Amino acid sequence: QVQLVESGGGLVQSGGSLRLSCAASGSNLRINVMGWYRQAPGKQRELVARITREGNTNYADSVKGRFTISRNNAKNTVYLQMNSLLPEDTAVYYCNAQGKVTAWSDFDSWGQGTQVTVSS
């Protein structure tokens, strides 16, 4: 099975920065899309940013201009650079990866989540 390991969450002051990392592991792994989602208490999980293998990106309107998603395909790793953080960014951030482990086997895996807390 595909395993996602996240790191980089923590507590930061408003206006500060954090860099999240997520490494995927598995045999014969080909990841098509990797992304970051977040969920605050009492709210639904929402897309923050995603990136395709080819490097195409999408961002939530709320983070455009502040967050940057990138990936290293050779390492099966995705990053989220978060700048100018706001208290509204406080949430549990989840890594997601979609792709194939074989020609007939798709996967859609989630990390365990990492807490990001932005204080005012």
N, C-alpha and C. Protein backbone atom coordinates (compact mmCIF):
# COMPACT_ATOMS: atom_id res chain seq x y z
N GLN A 1 0.85 -1.19 0.00
CA GLN A 1 0.00 0.00 0.00
C GLN A 1 0.89 1.24 0.00
N VAL A 2 0.34 2.35 -0.46
CA VAL A 2 1.06 3.60 -0.53
C VAL A 2 1.03 4.26 0.83
N GLN A 3 2.18 4.67 1.29
CA GLN A 3 2.30 5.35 2.57
C GLN A 3 2.75 6.78 2.36
N LEU A 4 2.10 7.70 3.05
CA LEU A 4 2.46 9.11 2.99
C LEU A 4 2.91 9.56 4.37
N VAL A 5 4.07 10.18 4.42
CA VAL A 5 4.63 10.67 5.67
C VAL A 5 4.79 12.17 5.57
N GLU A 6 4.12 12.88 6.47
CA GLU A 6 4.11 14.33 6.47
C GLU A 6 5.01 14.88 7.56
N SER A 7 5.51 16.07 7.33
CA SER A 7 6.31 16.75 8.33
C SER A 7 6.26 18.25 8.08
N GLY A 8 6.65 19.01 9.08
CA GLY A 8 6.78 20.45 8.92
C GLY A 8 5.74 21.30 9.60
N GLY A 9 4.71 20.68 10.14
CA GLY A 9 3.69 21.46 10.83
C GLY A 9 4.22 22.00 12.15
N GLY A 10 3.46 22.92 12.71
CA GLY A 10 3.86 23.50 13.97
C GLY A 10 3.12 24.76 14.29
N LEU A 11 3.65 25.48 15.25
CA LEU A 11 3.06 26.73 15.71
C LEU A 11 3.90 27.89 15.20
N VAL A 12 3.22 28.86 14.61
CA VAL A 12 3.91 30.01 14.05
C VAL A 12 3.07 31.26 14.27
N GLN A 13 3.72 32.39 14.37
CA GLN A 13 3.01 33.65 14.53
C GLN A 13 2.45 34.13 13.19
N SER A 14 1.40 34.92 13.28
CA SER A 14 0.83 35.51 12.08
C SER A 14 1.91 36.25 11.30
N GLY A 15 1.91 36.02 9.99
CA GLY A 15 2.92 36.61 9.13
C GLY A 15 4.14 35.74 8.92
N GLY A 16 4.24 34.67 9.67
CA GLY A 16 5.37 33.78 9.57
C GLY A 16 5.22 32.77 8.45
N SER A 17 6.17 31.84 8.40
CA SER A 17 6.22 30.85 7.33
C SER A 17 6.43 29.45 7.87
N LEU A 18 5.93 28.49 7.15
CA LEU A 18 6.17 27.09 7.40
C LEU A 18 6.32 26.37 6.07
N ARG A 19 7.06 25.29 6.08
CA ARG A 19 7.21 24.46 4.89
C ARG A 19 6.83 23.03 5.23
N LEU A 20 5.79 22.55 4.60
CA LEU A 20 5.33 21.19 4.80
C LEU A 20 5.94 20.27 3.75
N SER A 21 6.24 19.06 4.16
CA SER A 21 6.76 18.06 3.26
C SER A 21 5.94 16.79 3.39
N CYS A 22 5.84 16.07 2.30
CA CYS A 22 5.13 14.80 2.29
C CYS A 22 5.83 13.86 1.34
N ALA A 23 6.30 12.75 1.85
CA ALA A 23 6.99 11.75 1.05
C ALA A 23 6.13 10.51 0.91
N ALA A 24 5.96 10.06 -0.31
CA ALA A 24 5.20 8.86 -0.60
C ALA A 24 6.14 7.70 -0.85
N SER A 25 5.76 6.53 -0.38
CA SER A 25 6.56 5.35 -0.58
C SER A 25 5.68 4.18 -0.99
N GLY A 26 6.24 3.29 -1.77
CA GLY A 26 5.54 2.11 -2.23
C GLY A 26 6.26 1.52 -3.43
N SER A 27 5.94 0.28 -3.73
CA SER A 27 6.56 -0.39 -4.85
C SER A 27 5.88 -0.01 -6.16
N ASN A 28 6.70 0.16 -7.19
CA ASN A 28 6.19 0.47 -8.53
C ASN A 28 5.21 1.63 -8.51
N LEU A 29 5.58 2.66 -7.81
CA LEU A 29 4.69 3.78 -7.58
C LEU A 29 4.81 4.81 -8.69
N ARG A 30 3.67 5.18 -9.25
CA ARG A 30 3.61 6.28 -10.19
C ARG A 30 2.51 7.23 -9.74
N ILE A 31 2.92 8.37 -9.24
CA ILE A 31 1.99 9.35 -8.72
C ILE A 31 1.64 10.35 -9.80
N ASN A 32 0.36 10.54 -10.01
CA ASN A 32 -0.10 11.52 -10.98
C ASN A 32 -0.30 12.89 -10.34
N VAL A 33 -1.08 12.92 -9.28
CA VAL A 33 -1.41 14.17 -8.62
C VAL A 33 -1.06 14.07 -7.14
N MET A 34 -0.44 15.11 -6.63
CA MET A 34 -0.22 15.24 -5.20
C MET A 34 -0.81 16.57 -4.76
N GLY A 35 -1.32 16.58 -3.56
CA GLY A 35 -1.94 17.80 -3.10
C GLY A 35 -1.97 17.92 -1.60
N TRP A 36 -2.33 19.10 -1.17
CA TRP A 36 -2.52 19.40 0.24
C TRP A 36 -3.94 19.85 0.48
N TYR A 37 -4.55 19.29 1.48
CA TYR A 37 -5.87 19.67 1.94
C TYR A 37 -5.78 20.07 3.39
N ARG A 38 -6.78 20.78 3.86
CA ARG A 38 -6.79 21.15 5.26
C ARG A 38 -8.20 21.08 5.81
N GLN A 39 -8.27 20.87 7.11
CA GLN A 39 -9.55 20.78 7.78
C GLN A 39 -9.46 21.43 9.15
N ALA A 40 -10.29 22.42 9.36
CA ALA A 40 -10.40 23.07 10.65
C ALA A 40 -11.57 22.46 11.41
N PRO A 41 -11.55 22.53 12.74
CA PRO A 41 -12.65 21.96 13.52
C PRO A 41 -14.00 22.51 13.09
N GLY A 42 -14.94 21.60 12.89
CA GLY A 42 -16.28 22.00 12.50
C GLY A 42 -16.44 22.34 11.03
N LYS A 43 -15.38 22.21 10.26
CA LYS A 43 -15.45 22.52 8.84
C LYS A 43 -15.07 21.32 8.00
N GLN A 44 -15.49 21.36 6.75
CA GLN A 44 -15.17 20.29 5.82
C GLN A 44 -13.73 20.42 5.34
N ARG A 45 -13.17 19.29 4.98
CA ARG A 45 -11.84 19.30 4.39
C ARG A 45 -11.88 20.01 3.05
N GLU A 46 -10.92 20.87 2.81
CA GLU A 46 -10.88 21.65 1.59
C GLU A 46 -9.52 21.55 0.92
N LEU A 47 -9.55 21.69 -0.38
CA LEU A 47 -8.31 21.70 -1.14
C LEU A 47 -7.54 22.98 -0.88
N VAL A 48 -6.26 22.84 -0.62
CA VAL A 48 -5.36 23.97 -0.49
C VAL A 48 -4.60 24.18 -1.80
N ALA A 49 -3.96 23.12 -2.26
CA ALA A 49 -3.19 23.20 -3.49
C ALA A 49 -2.94 21.79 -4.00
N ARG A 50 -2.77 21.65 -5.30
CA ARG A 50 -2.42 20.37 -5.87
C ARG A 50 -1.52 20.59 -7.06
N ILE A 51 -0.78 19.55 -7.40
CA ILE A 51 0.18 19.63 -8.48
C ILE A 51 0.23 18.30 -9.20
N THR A 52 0.27 18.36 -10.52
CA THR A 52 0.37 17.16 -11.32
C THR A 52 1.82 16.77 -11.52
N ARG A 53 2.03 15.58 -12.05
CA ARG A 53 3.37 15.13 -12.35
C ARG A 53 4.07 16.09 -13.30
N GLU A 54 3.30 16.67 -14.21
CA GLU A 54 3.86 17.59 -15.20
C GLU A 54 4.13 18.98 -14.64
N GLY A 55 3.67 19.24 -13.42
CA GLY A 55 3.93 20.51 -12.80
C GLY A 55 2.80 21.52 -12.84
N ASN A 56 1.65 21.13 -13.34
CA ASN A 56 0.50 22.02 -13.33
C ASN A 56 -0.05 22.14 -11.92
N THR A 57 -0.41 23.35 -11.53
CA THR A 57 -0.83 23.59 -10.17
C THR A 57 -2.21 24.24 -10.09
N ASN A 58 -2.86 24.03 -8.98
CA ASN A 58 -4.11 24.69 -8.64
C ASN A 58 -4.05 25.09 -7.18
N TYR A 59 -4.61 26.25 -6.88
CA TYR A 59 -4.62 26.75 -5.52
C TYR A 59 -6.01 27.21 -5.13
N ALA A 60 -6.32 27.06 -3.87
CA ALA A 60 -7.50 27.70 -3.33
C ALA A 60 -7.32 29.21 -3.39
N ASP A 61 -8.40 29.91 -3.66
CA ASP A 61 -8.32 31.37 -3.75
C ASP A 61 -7.75 31.98 -2.48
N SER A 62 -8.04 31.38 -1.35
CA SER A 62 -7.63 31.94 -0.08
C SER A 62 -6.13 31.90 0.16
N VAL A 63 -5.41 31.09 -0.61
CA VAL A 63 -3.97 30.96 -0.39
C VAL A 63 -3.15 31.43 -1.58
N LYS A 64 -3.78 31.82 -2.65
CA LYS A 64 -3.05 32.28 -3.83
C LYS A 64 -2.16 33.46 -3.49
N GLY A 65 -0.94 33.40 -3.95
CA GLY A 65 0.02 34.45 -3.68
C GLY A 65 0.76 34.29 -2.38
N ARG A 66 0.32 33.38 -1.53
CA ARG A 66 0.98 33.15 -0.25
C ARG A 66 1.60 31.76 -0.15
N PHE A 67 0.95 30.77 -0.73
CA PHE A 67 1.43 29.40 -0.67
C PHE A 67 1.97 28.98 -2.03
N THR A 68 2.96 28.11 -2.01
CA THR A 68 3.51 27.54 -3.23
C THR A 68 3.67 26.04 -3.07
N ILE A 69 3.09 25.29 -3.99
CA ILE A 69 3.24 23.85 -3.98
C ILE A 69 4.28 23.44 -5.01
N SER A 70 5.07 22.46 -4.67
CA SER A 70 6.07 21.94 -5.59
C SER A 70 6.26 20.46 -5.31
N ARG A 71 6.94 19.78 -6.22
CA ARG A 71 7.16 18.35 -6.01
C ARG A 71 8.48 17.92 -6.64
N ASN A 72 9.01 16.88 -6.09
CA ASN A 72 10.18 16.22 -6.62
C ASN A 72 9.74 14.82 -7.03
N ASN A 73 9.56 14.61 -8.31
CA ASN A 73 9.03 13.34 -8.79
C ASN A 73 9.96 12.17 -8.48
N ALA A 74 11.25 12.40 -8.56
CA ALA A 74 12.21 11.34 -8.28
C ALA A 74 12.11 10.86 -6.84
N LYS A 75 11.78 11.77 -5.94
CA LYS A 75 11.66 11.44 -4.52
C LYS A 75 10.23 11.16 -4.10
N ASN A 76 9.29 11.29 -5.03
CA ASN A 76 7.87 11.13 -4.71
C ASN A 76 7.48 11.99 -3.51
N THR A 77 7.92 13.22 -3.55
CA THR A 77 7.73 14.13 -2.44
C THR A 77 7.07 15.42 -2.91
N VAL A 78 6.14 15.91 -2.13
CA VAL A 78 5.47 17.17 -2.41
C VAL A 78 5.72 18.11 -1.25
N TYR A 79 5.83 19.39 -1.57
CA TYR A 79 6.10 20.41 -0.57
C TYR A 79 5.04 21.50 -0.65
N LEU A 80 4.82 22.13 0.46
CA LEU A 80 3.96 23.29 0.51
C LEU A 80 4.66 24.38 1.30
N GLN A 81 5.11 25.39 0.60
CA GLN A 81 5.72 26.55 1.23
C GLN A 81 4.62 27.53 1.57
N MET A 82 4.46 27.82 2.84
CA MET A 82 3.40 28.68 3.31
C MET A 82 4.01 29.95 3.89
N ASN A 83 3.75 31.06 3.23
CA ASN A 83 4.24 32.36 3.67
C ASN A 83 3.08 33.25 4.07
N SER A 84 3.39 34.29 4.79
CA SER A 84 2.38 35.26 5.23
C SER A 84 1.19 34.56 5.86
N LEU A 85 1.47 33.65 6.76
CA LEU A 85 0.42 32.86 7.37
C LEU A 85 -0.52 33.71 8.20
N LEU A 86 -1.77 33.32 8.19
CA LEU A 86 -2.83 34.00 8.91
C LEU A 86 -3.49 33.05 9.89
N PRO A 87 -4.11 33.58 10.95
CA PRO A 87 -4.83 32.69 11.87
C PRO A 87 -5.87 31.83 11.16
N GLU A 88 -6.44 32.33 10.08
CA GLU A 88 -7.42 31.56 9.32
C GLU A 88 -6.82 30.33 8.66
N ASP A 89 -5.51 30.26 8.58
CA ASP A 89 -4.84 29.09 8.02
C ASP A 89 -4.72 27.95 9.01
N THR A 90 -5.06 28.20 10.25
CA THR A 90 -4.96 27.17 11.27
C THR A 90 -5.87 25.99 10.93
N ALA A 91 -5.29 24.82 10.86
CA ALA A 91 -6.02 23.61 10.49
C ALA A 91 -5.08 22.43 10.56
N VAL A 92 -5.65 21.26 10.42
CA VAL A 92 -4.86 20.07 10.18
C VAL A 92 -4.67 19.94 8.68
N TYR A 93 -3.44 19.83 8.25
CA TYR A 93 -3.12 19.75 6.84
C TYR A 93 -2.83 18.30 6.47
N TYR A 94 -3.47 17.84 5.41
CA TYR A 94 -3.35 16.47 4.97
C TYR A 94 -2.72 16.41 3.59
N CYS A 95 -1.80 15.51 3.44
CA CYS A 95 -1.21 15.23 2.14
C CYS A 95 -2.05 14.19 1.42
N ASN A 96 -2.18 14.34 0.12
CA ASN A 96 -2.92 13.40 -0.71
C ASN A 96 -2.11 13.06 -1.94
N ALA A 97 -2.16 11.80 -2.34
CA ALA A 97 -1.50 11.37 -3.56
C ALA A 97 -2.41 10.43 -4.32
N GLN A 98 -2.46 10.61 -5.62
CA GLN A 98 -3.27 9.78 -6.50
C GLN A 98 -2.41 9.29 -7.65
N GLY A 99 -2.62 8.06 -8.03
CA GLY A 99 -1.86 7.51 -9.13
C GLY A 99 -2.10 6.03 -9.28
N LYS A 100 -1.06 5.33 -9.70
CA LYS A 100 -1.15 3.90 -9.97
C LYS A 100 0.03 3.17 -9.36
N VAL A 101 -0.22 1.98 -8.86
CA VAL A 101 0.85 1.08 -8.47
C VAL A 101 1.04 0.00 -9.52
N THR A 102 0.03 -0.28 -10.32
CA THR A 102 0.11 -1.12 -11.50
C THR A 102 -0.78 -0.49 -12.57
N ALA A 103 -0.77 -1.08 -13.76
CA ALA A 103 -1.59 -0.56 -14.84
C ALA A 103 -3.07 -0.63 -14.53
N TRP A 104 -3.46 -1.52 -13.61
CA TRP A 104 -4.87 -1.71 -13.30
C TRP A 104 -5.24 -1.31 -11.88
N SER A 105 -4.29 -0.87 -11.12
CA SER A 105 -4.53 -0.58 -9.72
C SER A 105 -4.28 0.89 -9.42
N ASP A 106 -5.36 1.62 -9.18
CA ASP A 106 -5.27 3.02 -8.80
C ASP A 106 -5.16 3.13 -7.28
N PHE A 107 -4.62 4.24 -6.84
CA PHE A 107 -4.61 4.50 -5.41
C PHE A 107 -4.98 5.96 -5.15
N ASP A 108 -5.51 6.18 -4.00
CA ASP A 108 -5.85 7.51 -3.52
C ASP A 108 -5.56 7.49 -2.02
N SER A 109 -4.40 7.98 -1.66
CA SER A 109 -3.90 7.83 -0.30
C SER A 109 -3.82 9.17 0.42
N TRP A 110 -3.96 9.09 1.73
CA TRP A 110 -3.92 10.27 2.59
C TRP A 110 -2.89 10.08 3.69
N GLY A 111 -2.23 11.16 4.03
CA GLY A 111 -1.38 11.15 5.19
C GLY A 111 -2.20 11.27 6.47
N GLN A 112 -1.51 11.18 7.58
CA GLN A 112 -2.20 11.21 8.87
C GLN A 112 -2.57 12.61 9.31
N GLY A 113 -2.02 13.60 8.66
CA GLY A 113 -2.30 14.98 8.99
C GLY A 113 -1.24 15.59 9.88
N THR A 114 -0.98 16.86 9.67
CA THR A 114 -0.05 17.60 10.51
C THR A 114 -0.69 18.93 10.90
N GLN A 115 -0.60 19.26 12.17
CA GLN A 115 -1.26 20.45 12.68
C GLN A 115 -0.46 21.70 12.36
N VAL A 116 -1.15 22.68 11.82
CA VAL A 116 -0.59 24.01 11.61
C VAL A 116 -1.42 24.99 12.43
N THR A 117 -0.76 25.69 13.33
CA THR A 117 -1.44 26.66 14.18
C THR A 117 -0.77 28.01 14.00
N VAL A 118 -1.56 29.00 13.65
CA VAL A 118 -1.07 30.35 13.44
C VAL A 118 -1.68 31.24 14.51
N SER A 119 -0.84 31.81 15.33
CA SER A 119 -1.29 32.66 16.41
C SER A 119 -1.29 34.12 15.99
N SER A 120 -2.19 34.88 16.57
CA SER A 120 -2.29 36.31 16.29
C SER A 120 -1.66 37.15 17.38
